[in-house]
Every structure is written in structure tokens, then in C-alpha cells.
Protein backbone atom coordinates (compact mmCIF):
# COMPACT_ATOMS: atom_id res chain seq x y z
CA MET A 1 -21.00 36.64 281.91
CA GLU A 2 -20.59 40.43 282.06
CA ARG A 3 -17.52 41.51 280.09
CA GLY A 4 -14.99 43.64 281.94
CA LYS A 5 -16.16 42.51 285.37
CA ILE A 6 -13.71 41.01 287.89
CA TYR A 7 -14.62 37.36 288.43
CA ASN A 8 -11.55 36.06 290.25
CA ARG A 9 -10.73 38.74 292.82
CA GLN A 10 -7.93 36.65 294.35
CA ARG A 11 -6.11 36.56 290.99
CA ALA A 12 -6.85 40.22 290.31
CA ASN A 13 -5.16 41.15 293.59
CA GLN A 14 -1.92 39.43 292.62
CA VAL A 15 0.94 41.83 291.95
CA THR A 16 3.34 41.13 289.09
CA ASP A 17 6.96 41.50 290.19
CA PHE A 18 9.09 42.77 287.31
CA SER A 19 12.39 42.56 289.22
CA GLY A 20 14.96 40.72 287.15
CA MET A 21 13.35 42.08 283.97
CA ARG A 22 15.87 44.78 283.06
CA TRP A 23 17.90 45.52 279.95
CA SER A 24 20.18 48.52 280.58
CA ASN A 25 17.68 51.23 281.58
CA ILE A 26 14.69 49.43 280.02
CA THR A 27 12.19 47.77 282.35
CA PRO A 28 8.61 46.56 281.72
CA THR A 29 5.63 48.83 282.00
CA ASP A 30 1.97 48.00 282.13
CA ILE A 31 -0.97 49.68 280.49
CA ASP A 32 -4.21 49.71 282.44
CA GLY A 33 -6.49 49.43 279.42
CA ALA A 34 -6.38 48.85 275.68
CA LEU A 35 -9.24 48.99 273.18
CA ASP A 36 -9.17 47.76 269.58
CA PHE A 37 -12.02 48.85 267.32
CA GLY A 38 -11.85 46.68 264.22
CA GLY A 39 -8.07 46.89 263.92
CA LYS A 40 -8.46 50.50 262.76
CA ILE A 41 -8.82 52.55 265.94
CA PHE A 42 -6.80 51.88 269.08
CA VAL A 43 -7.21 53.57 272.45
CA TYR A 44 -4.83 52.98 275.34
CA PHE A 45 -5.40 54.35 278.81
CA GLU A 46 -3.47 54.62 282.02
CA LEU A 47 -5.14 55.31 285.37
CA LYS A 48 -3.23 57.26 288.00
CA SER A 49 -4.05 58.43 291.51
CA SER A 50 -4.81 62.16 291.65
CA GLY A 51 -1.57 64.10 291.55
CA LYS A 52 0.59 61.12 290.53
CA GLU A 53 2.52 61.79 287.34
CA LEU A 54 2.94 59.41 284.44
CA PRO A 55 6.57 58.17 284.58
CA THR A 56 8.77 59.22 281.66
CA GLY A 57 9.30 55.65 280.42
CA GLN A 58 5.58 54.93 280.42
CA ARG A 59 4.88 58.23 278.63
CA LEU A 60 7.46 57.39 275.96
CA HIS A 61 6.04 53.89 275.53
CA LEU A 62 2.51 55.21 274.98
CA GLU A 63 3.74 57.88 272.55
CA ARG A 64 5.75 55.35 270.52
CA LEU A 65 2.88 52.88 270.48
CA VAL A 66 0.44 55.53 269.22
CA ASN A 67 2.95 56.96 266.70
CA ASN A 68 3.74 53.56 265.21
CA LEU A 69 0.08 52.62 264.87
CA ILE A 70 -0.58 55.94 263.11
CA LYS A 71 2.36 55.28 260.75
CA ALA A 72 0.76 51.90 259.99
CA GLY A 73 -2.43 53.67 258.89
CA CYS A 74 -4.51 53.32 262.06
CA GLN A 75 -6.07 55.90 264.34
CA ALA A 76 -4.52 55.70 267.81
CA TYR A 77 -4.77 57.60 271.07
CA ALA A 78 -3.40 57.39 274.60
CA ILE A 79 -5.31 58.74 277.58
CA VAL A 80 -4.24 59.40 281.15
CA ALA A 81 -7.13 59.50 283.59
CA GLU A 82 -7.09 59.96 287.34
CA HIS A 83 -8.99 58.71 290.33
CA ASN A 84 -9.19 59.50 294.01
CA THR A 85 -10.00 55.96 295.14
CA ASP A 86 -9.05 54.52 298.53
CA SER A 87 -6.58 51.65 298.17
CA ASN A 88 -9.15 49.20 299.59
CA ASP A 89 -11.79 50.10 296.99
CA ASP A 90 -12.08 49.12 293.35
CA ILE A 91 -11.15 51.76 290.78
CA ILE A 92 -14.08 52.24 288.42
CA ALA A 93 -12.30 53.03 285.15
CA ALA A 94 -15.38 54.53 283.46
CA ASP A 95 -15.65 57.15 286.21
CA CYS A 96 -12.00 58.25 286.23
CA LEU A 97 -11.46 61.86 285.15
CA MET A 98 -9.57 62.38 281.91
CA ARG A 99 -6.38 64.31 282.68
CA GLU A 100 -4.68 64.40 279.28
CA PHE A 101 -4.55 62.62 275.93
CA TYR A 102 -2.04 62.03 273.15
CA ASP A 103 -3.09 62.01 269.51
CA GLY A 104 0.24 61.40 267.80
CA ASN A 105 1.26 65.05 267.91
CA ASN A 106 0.94 66.46 271.41
CA TRP A 107 -0.28 65.68 274.88
CA ARG A 108 -3.32 67.87 275.49
CA LYS A 109 -5.75 68.54 278.28
CA PRO A 110 -9.46 68.03 277.65
CA GLY A 111 -11.68 71.09 277.35
CA ASN A 112 -13.81 69.80 280.23
CA GLU A 113 -11.99 69.08 283.51
CA HIS A 114 -14.92 66.90 284.63
CA LEU A 115 -14.85 64.60 281.59
CA ARG A 116 -15.05 60.96 282.61
CA LEU A 117 -13.02 58.31 280.77
CA LYS A 118 -16.03 56.42 279.34
CA ASN A 119 -17.61 59.65 278.10
CA ALA A 120 -14.29 60.77 276.58
CA ILE A 121 -13.91 57.53 274.63
CA ASP A 122 -17.58 57.62 273.56
CA GLY A 123 -17.06 61.18 272.28
CA LEU A 124 -13.91 60.17 270.40
CA LEU A 125 -15.70 57.24 268.76
CA GLN A 126 -18.61 59.45 267.78
CA PHE A 127 -16.19 62.01 266.31
CA LEU A 128 -14.45 59.24 264.34
CA GLY A 129 -17.76 57.82 263.06
CA VAL A 130 -17.79 54.50 264.88
CA SER A 131 -21.29 53.01 265.03
CA GLU A 132 -23.31 53.00 268.28
CA GLN A 133 -22.84 49.27 268.73
CA TYR A 134 -19.07 49.61 268.15
CA GLY A 135 -19.40 46.56 265.94
CA GLY A 136 -17.72 48.20 263.01
CA ILE A 137 -16.17 51.31 261.63
CA GLU A 138 -18.48 53.41 259.47
């Protein structure tokens, strides 16, 4: 079985209704992707349609998540990537263009406006010294 592939399209098309899940001004958010490399490096990513901004609550959640993991001694990053996919087509996460990333200090734009999400994460892992097979941290 190929990991990451959609096998039950009917289930994947179900929408989660978060109505009734509110505490004052706090409501649930989702994160489109999360990666854990040996419990030492964490990468979270959110995919947005071109031009659609990351909501403030979701931005704060990603920042706090990254900041707390860094305080715990881990490396952590959040990435916002964008796509221009028709609503009837699948979004190919690897091909989404990296819009900005958070490293625990600031949100920054990548140096290359054509940097795809998979390539961005591969570059980050290479910079951090993670082995080719991603089986362990060097």
C-alpha cells in the first residue's frame, strides 16, 4: 500500500462540522499536514488557495505549536503553501508553492517564489542533517 495515497475517497470527501465546538472565542482548527522526524524535528503545513490568507487563529495556533516544541528542545517549523487547484480536482501537496514559513522567530517568505512544498521540506531536512532515507537524525 502506497503511504499518503487516498484509498477511501468517499471518507476523504466527508466534511467535519465543528459547529457546537466553541469555548468563548476559541474554535477548532485543522492542520493539513504534520511530519515527525524521530521526535526531534516537526514540520506542520497548511495549504491555502492562491490569495487566501491564513486566519489569525490558525496562525497563532501554528506559532504556539512551533514555539512550544522549540522550548521542549525540538526543531519545529510551520509552512503555508498555496495551490491554484479547481475544487473538483485533488490538491497535490508536494506541488503546492511555499508562500511563507515560521521558524519560531518570524514568518518569512522563501527566497524562491517557485519553491514547491516537497522540495522546501527536503531542503530543510538536508540543512538540518537528516539522512536521505529520513530513517533517523544524523
